[in-house]
Amino acid sequence: MTAAPRIAVLGASGAVGRLLVTQALDRGLEVTAIARDAARIPVPDQARLVKVAADVHDAGSVIRAAGDADALVSGLGVRGGTPGTLTAGARAAVASGVDRVVWLGAYGTGESARPAGVLTRAVLWMLMRNELADKVAADRTVLTAGGTVVHAGPMSDGPLASGRRTVPLSEAPRRIFPAGVSRATVAAAMLDEALTPHHQGGIAVPLSRP
């Protein structure tokens, strides 16, 4: 019997990270859940789940944790955290040697800043100005290495969208403000890309409706 793919989840204790873990387990995958404090990963212990403590500022710890994975997906977020954490995480993810890296970014930053429009850029600058440079540098690190960066609009705690789809940045709808999307839908899009990549080296945008 062929072993199920193993997915490493970086930032597994966060709002998106925990959904990446639970959805991957629901799909029958093996999961290595990585967080700075493994005890804070809010998913019950089970046979296909390994919880590992690793700090992105210690790249070696991430490399050791993720080394046997088939893909690495990151829900890492640092709102109000240590500057440079996202860039450190992206570098560690790339250095892990895992073939597929899928990184969570934000629509309206980096390569999606211009398509998002001036109002969205202004709002993000007010809300995230201390984190924007870190986000952009992390995205660039993953993209340069051939990974996929997922740029999501404003995220909610809603259910997985039944009509969801994922499009390249060039096909994302142009709006005054980007459409919202549930974290569950974003997590599903990231796992889809980890298992069957369609946007390697580029930006992918998850959408809730056709």
N, C-alpha and C. Protein backbone atom coordinates (compact mmCIF):
# COMPACT_ATOMS: atom_id res chain seq x y z
N MET A 1 0.84 -1.19 0.00
CA MET A 1 0.00 0.00 0.00
C MET A 1 0.88 1.25 0.00
N THR A 2 0.57 2.21 -0.86
CA THR A 2 1.34 3.44 -0.94
C THR A 2 1.02 4.34 0.25
N ALA A 3 2.07 4.86 0.87
CA ALA A 3 1.87 5.74 2.03
C ALA A 3 1.20 7.03 1.59
N ALA A 4 0.38 7.57 2.48
CA ALA A 4 -0.27 8.86 2.19
C ALA A 4 0.79 9.95 2.20
N PRO A 5 0.60 11.00 1.38
CA PRO A 5 1.54 12.12 1.41
C PRO A 5 1.61 12.73 2.80
N ARG A 6 2.78 13.26 3.13
CA ARG A 6 2.96 13.96 4.40
C ARG A 6 3.03 15.45 4.14
N ILE A 7 2.22 16.20 4.86
CA ILE A 7 2.18 17.65 4.76
C ILE A 7 2.74 18.25 6.04
N ALA A 8 3.72 19.14 5.91
CA ALA A 8 4.21 19.89 7.06
C ALA A 8 3.45 21.22 7.10
N VAL A 9 2.94 21.57 8.27
CA VAL A 9 2.18 22.80 8.44
C VAL A 9 2.97 23.72 9.36
N LEU A 10 3.44 24.83 8.83
CA LEU A 10 4.16 25.82 9.61
C LEU A 10 3.16 26.83 10.18
N GLY A 11 3.34 27.21 11.43
CA GLY A 11 2.36 28.10 12.07
C GLY A 11 1.09 27.36 12.43
N ALA A 12 1.23 26.10 12.87
CA ALA A 12 0.07 25.22 13.06
C ALA A 12 -0.82 25.61 14.22
N SER A 13 -0.37 26.51 15.09
CA SER A 13 -1.22 26.92 16.21
C SER A 13 -2.08 28.14 15.89
N GLY A 14 -1.91 28.72 14.71
CA GLY A 14 -2.66 29.92 14.34
C GLY A 14 -4.02 29.62 13.73
N ALA A 15 -4.75 30.66 13.40
CA ALA A 15 -6.13 30.51 12.92
C ALA A 15 -6.20 29.75 11.61
N VAL A 16 -5.31 30.04 10.67
CA VAL A 16 -5.28 29.30 9.41
C VAL A 16 -4.52 27.99 9.59
N GLY A 17 -3.44 28.03 10.35
CA GLY A 17 -2.63 26.83 10.54
C GLY A 17 -3.40 25.66 11.10
N ARG A 18 -4.25 25.91 12.08
CA ARG A 18 -5.01 24.81 12.68
C ARG A 18 -6.01 24.22 11.67
N LEU A 19 -6.54 25.07 10.78
CA LEU A 19 -7.43 24.56 9.74
C LEU A 19 -6.66 23.75 8.71
N LEU A 20 -5.45 24.16 8.40
CA LEU A 20 -4.61 23.37 7.51
C LEU A 20 -4.37 21.97 8.09
N VAL A 21 -4.14 21.92 9.39
CA VAL A 21 -3.91 20.63 10.04
C VAL A 21 -5.16 19.77 9.99
N THR A 22 -6.30 20.30 10.41
CA THR A 22 -7.51 19.49 10.48
C THR A 22 -7.99 19.07 9.10
N GLN A 23 -7.91 19.99 8.13
CA GLN A 23 -8.35 19.62 6.77
C GLN A 23 -7.42 18.59 6.15
N ALA A 24 -6.13 18.70 6.40
CA ALA A 24 -5.20 17.69 5.87
C ALA A 24 -5.49 16.32 6.47
N LEU A 25 -5.75 16.28 7.76
CA LEU A 25 -6.10 15.01 8.40
C LEU A 25 -7.41 14.47 7.84
N ASP A 26 -8.38 15.34 7.61
CA ASP A 26 -9.66 14.91 7.03
C ASP A 26 -9.48 14.32 5.64
N ARG A 27 -8.45 14.75 4.94
CA ARG A 27 -8.17 14.21 3.60
C ARG A 27 -7.37 12.92 3.65
N GLY A 28 -7.06 12.46 4.85
CA GLY A 28 -6.32 11.20 4.99
C GLY A 28 -4.82 11.35 4.88
N LEU A 29 -4.31 12.58 5.01
CA LEU A 29 -2.88 12.83 4.87
C LEU A 29 -2.16 12.64 6.20
N GLU A 30 -0.87 12.39 6.12
CA GLU A 30 0.00 12.43 7.28
C GLU A 30 0.38 13.90 7.51
N VAL A 31 0.42 14.33 8.75
CA VAL A 31 0.66 15.75 9.04
C VAL A 31 1.74 15.92 10.09
N THR A 32 2.70 16.80 9.78
CA THR A 32 3.64 17.29 10.78
C THR A 32 3.25 18.72 11.09
N ALA A 33 2.72 18.95 12.28
CA ALA A 33 2.26 20.28 12.68
C ALA A 33 3.38 20.97 13.46
N ILE A 34 3.79 22.13 12.95
CA ILE A 34 4.95 22.83 13.49
C ILE A 34 4.52 24.16 14.10
N ALA A 35 4.94 24.40 15.33
CA ALA A 35 4.67 25.68 15.99
C ALA A 35 5.79 25.93 16.99
N ARG A 36 5.95 27.19 17.35
CA ARG A 36 7.00 27.50 18.33
C ARG A 36 6.73 26.78 19.65
N ASP A 37 5.46 26.66 20.02
CA ASP A 37 5.05 25.90 21.21
C ASP A 37 4.08 24.82 20.76
N ALA A 38 4.56 23.60 20.64
CA ALA A 38 3.72 22.51 20.12
C ALA A 38 2.50 22.25 21.00
N ALA A 39 2.58 22.59 22.27
CA ALA A 39 1.45 22.36 23.18
C ALA A 39 0.26 23.26 22.83
N ARG A 40 0.49 24.30 22.06
CA ARG A 40 -0.59 25.23 21.71
C ARG A 40 -1.30 24.84 20.41
N ILE A 41 -0.90 23.75 19.79
CA ILE A 41 -1.57 23.30 18.57
C ILE A 41 -2.90 22.65 18.98
N PRO A 42 -4.04 23.27 18.64
CA PRO A 42 -5.33 22.85 19.21
C PRO A 42 -6.01 21.73 18.44
N VAL A 43 -5.26 20.69 18.14
CA VAL A 43 -5.81 19.54 17.42
C VAL A 43 -5.52 18.29 18.24
N PRO A 44 -6.54 17.47 18.50
CA PRO A 44 -6.31 16.27 19.33
C PRO A 44 -5.25 15.36 18.73
N ASP A 45 -4.46 14.72 19.59
CA ASP A 45 -3.45 13.77 19.15
C ASP A 45 -4.12 12.61 18.42
N GLN A 46 -3.47 12.14 17.38
CA GLN A 46 -3.95 10.98 16.63
C GLN A 46 -2.80 10.37 15.83
N ALA A 47 -3.05 9.21 15.25
CA ALA A 47 -1.97 8.42 14.67
C ALA A 47 -1.26 9.13 13.53
N ARG A 48 -2.00 9.88 12.71
CA ARG A 48 -1.38 10.49 11.52
C ARG A 48 -0.84 11.90 11.78
N LEU A 49 -0.84 12.32 13.05
CA LEU A 49 -0.41 13.67 13.39
C LEU A 49 0.82 13.64 14.29
N VAL A 50 1.83 14.40 13.88
CA VAL A 50 3.02 14.59 14.71
C VAL A 50 3.14 16.08 15.00
N LYS A 51 3.22 16.45 16.26
CA LYS A 51 3.38 17.85 16.66
C LYS A 51 4.84 18.10 17.01
N VAL A 52 5.39 19.16 16.44
CA VAL A 52 6.81 19.44 16.63
C VAL A 52 7.00 20.91 16.99
N ALA A 53 7.83 21.18 17.99
CA ALA A 53 8.19 22.55 18.34
C ALA A 53 9.38 22.99 17.50
N ALA A 54 9.25 24.13 16.83
CA ALA A 54 10.34 24.69 16.04
C ALA A 54 10.14 26.19 15.95
N ASP A 55 11.24 26.91 15.88
CA ASP A 55 11.21 28.37 15.83
C ASP A 55 11.78 28.81 14.49
N VAL A 56 11.04 29.62 13.75
CA VAL A 56 11.50 30.03 12.42
C VAL A 56 12.80 30.82 12.49
N HIS A 57 13.10 31.41 13.63
CA HIS A 57 14.36 32.14 13.77
C HIS A 57 15.53 31.18 14.00
N ASP A 58 15.24 29.90 14.15
CA ASP A 58 16.23 28.83 14.17
C ASP A 58 15.92 27.92 13.00
N ALA A 59 16.45 28.28 11.83
CA ALA A 59 16.09 27.57 10.60
C ALA A 59 16.34 26.08 10.71
N GLY A 60 17.38 25.70 11.42
CA GLY A 60 17.69 24.28 11.56
C GLY A 60 16.56 23.50 12.20
N SER A 61 15.85 24.12 13.15
CA SER A 61 14.75 23.41 13.81
C SER A 61 13.60 23.16 12.85
N VAL A 62 13.34 24.10 11.96
CA VAL A 62 12.29 23.92 10.95
C VAL A 62 12.72 22.87 9.93
N ILE A 63 13.97 22.94 9.52
CA ILE A 63 14.48 21.97 8.55
C ILE A 63 14.37 20.55 9.10
N ARG A 64 14.72 20.37 10.36
CA ARG A 64 14.61 19.04 10.96
C ARG A 64 13.16 18.59 11.07
N ALA A 65 12.26 19.52 11.39
CA ALA A 65 10.85 19.17 11.56
C ALA A 65 10.19 18.78 10.25
N ALA A 66 10.53 19.50 9.18
CA ALA A 66 9.81 19.34 7.91
C ALA A 66 10.52 18.45 6.91
N GLY A 67 11.68 17.96 7.25
CA GLY A 67 12.54 17.31 6.27
C GLY A 67 11.96 16.15 5.50
N ASP A 68 11.04 15.37 6.11
CA ASP A 68 10.51 14.19 5.41
C ASP A 68 9.15 14.46 4.76
N ALA A 69 8.73 15.72 4.71
CA ALA A 69 7.42 16.04 4.14
C ALA A 69 7.47 16.10 2.62
N ASP A 70 6.32 15.84 2.01
CA ASP A 70 6.19 15.97 0.56
C ASP A 70 5.85 17.40 0.17
N ALA A 71 5.25 18.15 1.08
CA ALA A 71 4.90 19.55 0.83
C ALA A 71 4.87 20.28 2.16
N LEU A 72 5.14 21.57 2.11
CA LEU A 72 5.07 22.42 3.30
C LEU A 72 4.09 23.55 3.01
N VAL A 73 3.12 23.71 3.88
CA VAL A 73 2.16 24.81 3.77
C VAL A 73 2.30 25.67 5.02
N SER A 74 2.20 26.97 4.84
CA SER A 74 2.43 27.88 5.96
C SER A 74 1.22 28.76 6.22
N GLY A 75 0.74 28.70 7.46
CA GLY A 75 -0.27 29.64 7.93
C GLY A 75 0.34 30.66 8.86
N LEU A 76 1.64 30.82 8.78
CA LEU A 76 2.36 31.69 9.70
C LEU A 76 1.85 33.12 9.64
N GLY A 77 1.59 33.69 10.80
CA GLY A 77 1.17 35.08 10.89
C GLY A 77 1.84 35.73 12.08
N VAL A 78 2.11 37.03 11.99
CA VAL A 78 2.89 37.66 13.05
C VAL A 78 2.31 39.02 13.42
N ARG A 79 1.01 39.18 13.44
CA ARG A 79 0.43 40.48 13.76
C ARG A 79 0.96 40.98 15.10
N GLY A 80 1.72 42.06 15.07
CA GLY A 80 2.29 42.61 16.29
C GLY A 80 3.46 41.82 16.82
N GLY A 81 3.99 40.87 16.02
CA GLY A 81 5.08 40.02 16.48
C GLY A 81 6.45 40.61 16.18
N THR A 82 7.45 39.73 16.22
CA THR A 82 8.83 40.14 16.02
C THR A 82 9.07 40.50 14.56
N PRO A 83 9.63 41.67 14.27
CA PRO A 83 9.94 42.03 12.87
C PRO A 83 10.86 41.00 12.23
N GLY A 84 10.56 40.68 10.97
CA GLY A 84 11.39 39.74 10.25
C GLY A 84 11.00 38.28 10.40
N THR A 85 9.95 38.01 11.19
CA THR A 85 9.57 36.62 11.43
C THR A 85 9.10 35.93 10.15
N LEU A 86 8.30 36.63 9.33
CA LEU A 86 7.82 36.01 8.09
C LEU A 86 8.96 35.70 7.14
N THR A 87 9.88 36.63 7.00
CA THR A 87 11.02 36.39 6.12
C THR A 87 11.86 35.22 6.64
N ALA A 88 12.08 35.17 7.94
CA ALA A 88 12.82 34.05 8.53
C ALA A 88 12.09 32.74 8.27
N GLY A 89 10.76 32.75 8.41
CA GLY A 89 9.99 31.54 8.15
C GLY A 89 10.07 31.10 6.71
N ALA A 90 9.99 32.06 5.79
CA ALA A 90 10.08 31.73 4.37
C ALA A 90 11.45 31.15 4.02
N ARG A 91 12.49 31.73 4.57
CA ARG A 91 13.83 31.21 4.31
C ARG A 91 14.00 29.80 4.86
N ALA A 92 13.46 29.58 6.05
CA ALA A 92 13.54 28.25 6.65
C ALA A 92 12.75 27.24 5.82
N ALA A 93 11.56 27.64 5.35
CA ALA A 93 10.73 26.74 4.54
C ALA A 93 11.45 26.34 3.26
N VAL A 94 12.05 27.32 2.61
CA VAL A 94 12.79 27.04 1.37
C VAL A 94 14.01 26.18 1.65
N ALA A 95 14.70 26.46 2.74
CA ALA A 95 15.91 25.72 3.08
C ALA A 95 15.61 24.29 3.51
N SER A 96 14.36 24.00 3.86
CA SER A 96 14.00 22.66 4.32
C SER A 96 14.21 21.60 3.26
N GLY A 97 14.23 22.02 2.00
CA GLY A 97 14.39 21.07 0.91
C GLY A 97 13.11 20.38 0.50
N VAL A 98 11.98 20.73 1.14
CA VAL A 98 10.69 20.17 0.75
C VAL A 98 10.36 20.64 -0.67
N ASP A 99 9.89 19.72 -1.51
CA ASP A 99 9.70 20.03 -2.94
C ASP A 99 8.68 21.14 -3.18
N ARG A 100 7.59 21.15 -2.43
CA ARG A 100 6.51 22.12 -2.68
C ARG A 100 6.29 22.97 -1.45
N VAL A 101 6.39 24.26 -1.62
CA VAL A 101 6.11 25.20 -0.54
C VAL A 101 4.94 26.06 -0.96
N VAL A 102 3.93 26.13 -0.10
CA VAL A 102 2.75 26.97 -0.35
C VAL A 102 2.65 27.95 0.82
N TRP A 103 2.75 29.22 0.51
CA TRP A 103 2.91 30.27 1.52
C TRP A 103 1.68 31.18 1.54
N LEU A 104 1.23 31.53 2.72
CA LEU A 104 0.07 32.42 2.85
C LEU A 104 0.51 33.87 2.90
N GLY A 105 0.04 34.66 1.94
CA GLY A 105 0.28 36.09 1.92
C GLY A 105 -1.03 36.85 2.02
N ALA A 106 -1.02 38.11 1.66
CA ALA A 106 -2.22 38.94 1.77
C ALA A 106 -2.46 39.68 0.46
N TYR A 107 -3.68 39.61 -0.03
CA TYR A 107 -4.04 40.32 -1.26
C TYR A 107 -3.94 41.82 -1.02
N GLY A 108 -3.24 42.49 -1.92
CA GLY A 108 -3.01 43.91 -1.78
C GLY A 108 -1.59 44.24 -1.35
N THR A 109 -0.76 43.20 -1.17
CA THR A 109 0.64 43.40 -0.82
C THR A 109 1.52 42.83 -1.93
N GLY A 110 2.74 43.30 -2.02
CA GLY A 110 3.68 42.75 -2.99
C GLY A 110 3.13 42.79 -4.40
N GLU A 111 3.14 41.63 -5.08
CA GLU A 111 2.74 41.58 -6.49
C GLU A 111 1.26 41.88 -6.70
N SER A 112 0.44 41.71 -5.66
CA SER A 112 -0.99 42.00 -5.84
C SER A 112 -1.36 43.41 -5.40
N ALA A 113 -0.38 44.22 -5.03
CA ALA A 113 -0.68 45.58 -4.56
C ALA A 113 -1.31 46.42 -5.66
N ARG A 114 -0.72 46.41 -6.85
CA ARG A 114 -1.26 47.23 -7.93
C ARG A 114 -2.64 46.75 -8.39
N PRO A 115 -2.84 45.44 -8.63
CA PRO A 115 -4.19 45.01 -9.01
C PRO A 115 -5.24 45.29 -7.95
N ALA A 116 -4.85 45.32 -6.68
CA ALA A 116 -5.82 45.54 -5.61
C ALA A 116 -6.35 46.96 -5.60
N GLY A 117 -5.60 47.90 -6.13
CA GLY A 117 -6.08 49.28 -6.22
C GLY A 117 -5.58 50.16 -5.09
N VAL A 118 -5.68 51.44 -5.31
CA VAL A 118 -5.10 52.42 -4.40
C VAL A 118 -5.78 52.43 -3.04
N LEU A 119 -7.11 52.24 -2.99
CA LEU A 119 -7.80 52.26 -1.70
C LEU A 119 -7.38 51.09 -0.82
N THR A 120 -7.29 49.91 -1.42
CA THR A 120 -6.86 48.74 -0.65
C THR A 120 -5.43 48.92 -0.16
N ARG A 121 -4.56 49.45 -1.02
CA ARG A 121 -3.19 49.68 -0.60
C ARG A 121 -3.13 50.66 0.57
N ALA A 122 -3.96 51.70 0.52
CA ALA A 122 -3.96 52.69 1.59
C ALA A 122 -4.44 52.08 2.91
N VAL A 123 -5.48 51.25 2.83
CA VAL A 123 -6.00 50.62 4.05
C VAL A 123 -4.95 49.68 4.65
N LEU A 124 -4.33 48.87 3.79
CA LEU A 124 -3.31 47.94 4.29
C LEU A 124 -2.13 48.68 4.88
N TRP A 125 -1.78 49.80 4.27
CA TRP A 125 -0.67 50.57 4.82
C TRP A 125 -1.00 51.06 6.23
N MET A 126 -2.23 51.49 6.45
CA MET A 126 -2.62 51.95 7.78
C MET A 126 -2.65 50.80 8.79
N LEU A 127 -3.13 49.64 8.36
CA LEU A 127 -3.31 48.51 9.28
C LEU A 127 -2.04 47.69 9.48
N MET A 128 -1.19 47.63 8.45
CA MET A 128 -0.09 46.67 8.48
C MET A 128 1.26 47.29 8.13
N ARG A 129 1.39 48.59 8.26
CA ARG A 129 2.60 49.23 7.76
C ARG A 129 3.88 48.69 8.40
N ASN A 130 3.80 48.21 9.65
CA ASN A 130 4.98 47.68 10.30
C ASN A 130 5.33 46.27 9.83
N GLU A 131 4.41 45.64 9.10
CA GLU A 131 4.63 44.26 8.66
C GLU A 131 4.77 44.12 7.15
N LEU A 132 4.46 45.17 6.40
CA LEU A 132 4.40 45.04 4.95
C LEU A 132 5.73 44.63 4.34
N ALA A 133 6.81 45.25 4.76
CA ALA A 133 8.11 44.92 4.18
C ALA A 133 8.46 43.46 4.44
N ASP A 134 8.14 42.97 5.63
CA ASP A 134 8.39 41.58 5.98
C ASP A 134 7.55 40.65 5.10
N LYS A 135 6.28 40.99 4.90
CA LYS A 135 5.41 40.18 4.05
C LYS A 135 5.93 40.11 2.61
N VAL A 136 6.32 41.26 2.09
CA VAL A 136 6.80 41.30 0.71
C VAL A 136 8.09 40.50 0.56
N ALA A 137 9.01 40.63 1.51
CA ALA A 137 10.26 39.89 1.45
C ALA A 137 10.03 38.38 1.56
N ALA A 138 9.10 37.97 2.42
CA ALA A 138 8.79 36.55 2.55
C ALA A 138 8.21 36.00 1.26
N ASP A 139 7.25 36.73 0.68
CA ASP A 139 6.68 36.31 -0.61
C ASP A 139 7.77 36.12 -1.65
N ARG A 140 8.65 37.10 -1.75
CA ARG A 140 9.70 37.07 -2.77
C ARG A 140 10.62 35.86 -2.57
N THR A 141 10.91 35.54 -1.32
CA THR A 141 11.76 34.39 -1.03
C THR A 141 11.13 33.10 -1.54
N VAL A 142 9.84 32.93 -1.29
CA VAL A 142 9.14 31.70 -1.73
C VAL A 142 9.00 31.66 -3.24
N LEU A 143 8.63 32.77 -3.85
CA LEU A 143 8.44 32.81 -5.30
C LEU A 143 9.75 32.56 -6.03
N THR A 144 10.82 33.14 -5.55
CA THR A 144 12.13 32.95 -6.20
C THR A 144 12.55 31.48 -6.17
N ALA A 145 12.14 30.78 -5.12
CA ALA A 145 12.47 29.36 -4.99
C ALA A 145 11.51 28.46 -5.76
N GLY A 146 10.51 29.04 -6.42
CA GLY A 146 9.56 28.25 -7.20
C GLY A 146 8.34 27.79 -6.44
N GLY A 147 8.14 28.33 -5.25
CA GLY A 147 6.95 27.98 -4.48
C GLY A 147 5.73 28.78 -4.91
N THR A 148 4.62 28.52 -4.25
CA THR A 148 3.37 29.22 -4.53
C THR A 148 3.02 30.12 -3.36
N VAL A 149 2.61 31.35 -3.65
CA VAL A 149 2.13 32.25 -2.61
C VAL A 149 0.64 32.47 -2.84
N VAL A 150 -0.14 32.25 -1.80
CA VAL A 150 -1.59 32.43 -1.86
C VAL A 150 -1.93 33.79 -1.26
N HIS A 151 -2.53 34.66 -2.08
CA HIS A 151 -2.93 35.99 -1.62
C HIS A 151 -4.43 35.99 -1.38
N ALA A 152 -4.81 36.04 -0.12
CA ALA A 152 -6.22 36.01 0.25
C ALA A 152 -6.70 37.41 0.61
N GLY A 153 -7.97 37.69 0.27
CA GLY A 153 -8.60 38.92 0.70
C GLY A 153 -8.93 38.85 2.19
N PRO A 154 -9.73 39.77 2.70
CA PRO A 154 -10.08 39.76 4.13
C PRO A 154 -10.68 38.41 4.53
N MET A 155 -10.12 37.80 5.57
CA MET A 155 -10.54 36.45 5.95
C MET A 155 -11.51 36.46 7.11
N SER A 156 -12.45 35.52 7.07
CA SER A 156 -13.46 35.37 8.11
C SER A 156 -13.43 33.95 8.65
N ASP A 157 -14.24 33.70 9.67
CA ASP A 157 -14.34 32.37 10.25
C ASP A 157 -15.49 31.57 9.66
N GLY A 158 -15.97 31.95 8.49
CA GLY A 158 -17.08 31.26 7.87
C GLY A 158 -16.73 29.85 7.41
N PRO A 159 -17.72 29.12 6.90
CA PRO A 159 -17.50 27.74 6.47
C PRO A 159 -16.77 27.67 5.13
N LEU A 160 -16.35 26.47 4.79
CA LEU A 160 -15.74 26.21 3.49
C LEU A 160 -16.75 26.52 2.39
N ALA A 161 -16.36 27.34 1.43
CA ALA A 161 -17.28 27.74 0.36
C ALA A 161 -17.50 26.58 -0.61
N SER A 162 -18.75 26.29 -0.90
CA SER A 162 -19.06 25.17 -1.80
C SER A 162 -18.68 25.47 -3.24
N GLY A 163 -18.72 26.75 -3.63
CA GLY A 163 -18.41 27.11 -5.00
C GLY A 163 -17.02 27.67 -5.17
N ARG A 164 -16.11 27.26 -4.30
CA ARG A 164 -14.78 27.87 -4.30
C ARG A 164 -13.98 27.52 -5.55
N ARG A 165 -13.03 28.41 -5.86
CA ARG A 165 -12.06 28.15 -6.92
C ARG A 165 -10.82 28.98 -6.63
N THR A 166 -9.74 28.62 -7.28
CA THR A 166 -8.48 29.34 -7.11
C THR A 166 -7.99 29.77 -8.48
N VAL A 167 -7.63 31.04 -8.61
CA VAL A 167 -7.22 31.57 -9.91
C VAL A 167 -5.84 32.22 -9.77
N PRO A 168 -5.11 32.32 -10.89
CA PRO A 168 -3.86 33.08 -10.85
C PRO A 168 -4.15 34.55 -10.64
N LEU A 169 -3.18 35.29 -10.17
CA LEU A 169 -3.37 36.71 -9.88
C LEU A 169 -3.93 37.46 -11.08
N SER A 170 -3.50 37.10 -12.28
CA SER A 170 -3.94 37.80 -13.49
C SER A 170 -5.43 37.66 -13.73
N GLU A 171 -6.08 36.66 -13.12
CA GLU A 171 -7.51 36.42 -13.31
C GLU A 171 -8.35 36.82 -12.10
N ALA A 172 -7.73 37.39 -11.09
CA ALA A 172 -8.48 37.80 -9.90
C ALA A 172 -9.41 38.96 -10.25
N PRO A 173 -10.65 38.93 -9.79
CA PRO A 173 -11.59 40.02 -10.10
C PRO A 173 -11.09 41.36 -9.57
N ARG A 174 -11.28 42.40 -10.36
CA ARG A 174 -10.90 43.74 -9.94
C ARG A 174 -12.09 44.39 -9.24
N ARG A 175 -11.87 44.83 -8.02
CA ARG A 175 -12.92 45.42 -7.20
C ARG A 175 -12.35 46.63 -6.48
N ILE A 176 -13.24 47.48 -5.96
CA ILE A 176 -12.76 48.60 -5.15
C ILE A 176 -12.04 48.07 -3.92
N PHE A 177 -12.64 47.07 -3.27
CA PHE A 177 -11.98 46.35 -2.19
C PHE A 177 -12.05 44.86 -2.51
N PRO A 178 -11.02 44.09 -2.16
CA PRO A 178 -11.04 42.66 -2.47
C PRO A 178 -12.15 41.93 -1.74
N ALA A 179 -12.68 40.91 -2.38
CA ALA A 179 -13.75 40.11 -1.78
C ALA A 179 -13.22 39.34 -0.58
N GLY A 180 -14.07 39.20 0.43
CA GLY A 180 -13.70 38.40 1.58
C GLY A 180 -13.74 36.92 1.27
N VAL A 181 -13.07 36.14 2.08
CA VAL A 181 -13.01 34.69 1.89
C VAL A 181 -12.81 34.06 3.26
N SER A 182 -13.39 32.91 3.48
CA SER A 182 -13.24 32.27 4.78
C SER A 182 -11.87 31.63 4.91
N ARG A 183 -11.39 31.54 6.14
CA ARG A 183 -10.11 30.87 6.39
C ARG A 183 -10.17 29.41 5.96
N ALA A 184 -11.34 28.79 6.14
CA ALA A 184 -11.49 27.40 5.72
C ALA A 184 -11.29 27.24 4.21
N THR A 185 -11.80 28.20 3.45
CA THR A 185 -11.63 28.17 1.99
C THR A 185 -10.19 28.39 1.60
N VAL A 186 -9.52 29.30 2.30
CA VAL A 186 -8.10 29.55 2.03
C VAL A 186 -7.27 28.30 2.33
N ALA A 187 -7.54 27.66 3.47
CA ALA A 187 -6.81 26.46 3.83
C ALA A 187 -7.00 25.36 2.79
N ALA A 188 -8.23 25.19 2.32
CA ALA A 188 -8.50 24.17 1.31
C ALA A 188 -7.75 24.46 0.02
N ALA A 189 -7.71 25.74 -0.39
CA ALA A 189 -6.99 26.11 -1.60
C ALA A 189 -5.50 25.83 -1.46
N MET A 190 -4.94 26.08 -0.28
CA MET A 190 -3.53 25.84 -0.06
C MET A 190 -3.21 24.34 -0.12
N LEU A 191 -4.06 23.53 0.45
CA LEU A 191 -3.84 22.08 0.40
C LEU A 191 -4.01 21.54 -1.01
N ASP A 192 -4.98 22.07 -1.75
CA ASP A 192 -5.13 21.68 -3.16
C ASP A 192 -3.82 21.92 -3.90
N GLU A 193 -3.24 23.09 -3.70
CA GLU A 193 -2.00 23.46 -4.40
C GLU A 193 -0.83 22.60 -3.94
N ALA A 194 -0.80 22.25 -2.67
CA ALA A 194 0.27 21.41 -2.15
C ALA A 194 0.24 20.02 -2.76
N LEU A 195 -0.96 19.51 -2.98
CA LEU A 195 -1.11 18.15 -3.51
C LEU A 195 -1.00 18.10 -5.04
N THR A 196 -1.58 19.11 -5.70
CA THR A 196 -1.57 19.17 -7.17
C THR A 196 -1.27 20.60 -7.57
N PRO A 197 0.01 20.94 -7.72
CA PRO A 197 0.37 22.35 -7.97
C PRO A 197 -0.04 22.83 -9.35
N HIS A 198 -0.66 24.00 -9.38
CA HIS A 198 -1.03 24.66 -10.63
C HIS A 198 -0.44 26.06 -10.74
N HIS A 199 0.14 26.57 -9.65
CA HIS A 199 0.56 27.97 -9.63
C HIS A 199 2.00 28.12 -9.12
N GLN A 200 2.83 27.12 -9.35
CA GLN A 200 4.20 27.18 -8.84
C GLN A 200 4.94 28.40 -9.38
N GLY A 201 5.63 29.07 -8.49
CA GLY A 201 6.37 30.25 -8.88
C GLY A 201 5.50 31.48 -9.07
N GLY A 202 4.23 31.41 -8.66
CA GLY A 202 3.33 32.53 -8.88
C GLY A 202 2.38 32.74 -7.71
N ILE A 203 1.51 33.74 -7.90
CA ILE A 203 0.51 34.10 -6.90
C ILE A 203 -0.81 33.45 -7.26
N ALA A 204 -1.43 32.80 -6.28
CA ALA A 204 -2.75 32.21 -6.46
C ALA A 204 -3.74 32.92 -5.54
N VAL A 205 -4.97 33.10 -6.03
CA VAL A 205 -5.99 33.83 -5.27
C VAL A 205 -7.21 32.93 -5.07
N PRO A 206 -7.52 32.55 -3.82
CA PRO A 206 -8.72 31.75 -3.58
C PRO A 206 -9.98 32.61 -3.57
N LEU A 207 -11.03 32.12 -4.22
CA LEU A 207 -12.29 32.84 -4.32
C LEU A 207 -13.42 31.99 -3.78
N SER A 208 -14.41 32.62 -3.19
CA SER A 208 -15.52 31.89 -2.59
C SER A 208 -16.58 31.49 -3.60
N ARG A 209 -16.73 32.26 -4.67
CA ARG A 209 -17.80 32.00 -5.64
C ARG A 209 -17.23 31.95 -7.05
N PRO A 210 -17.93 31.23 -7.95
CA PRO A 210 -17.48 31.18 -9.36
C PRO A 210 -17.41 32.56 -9.95
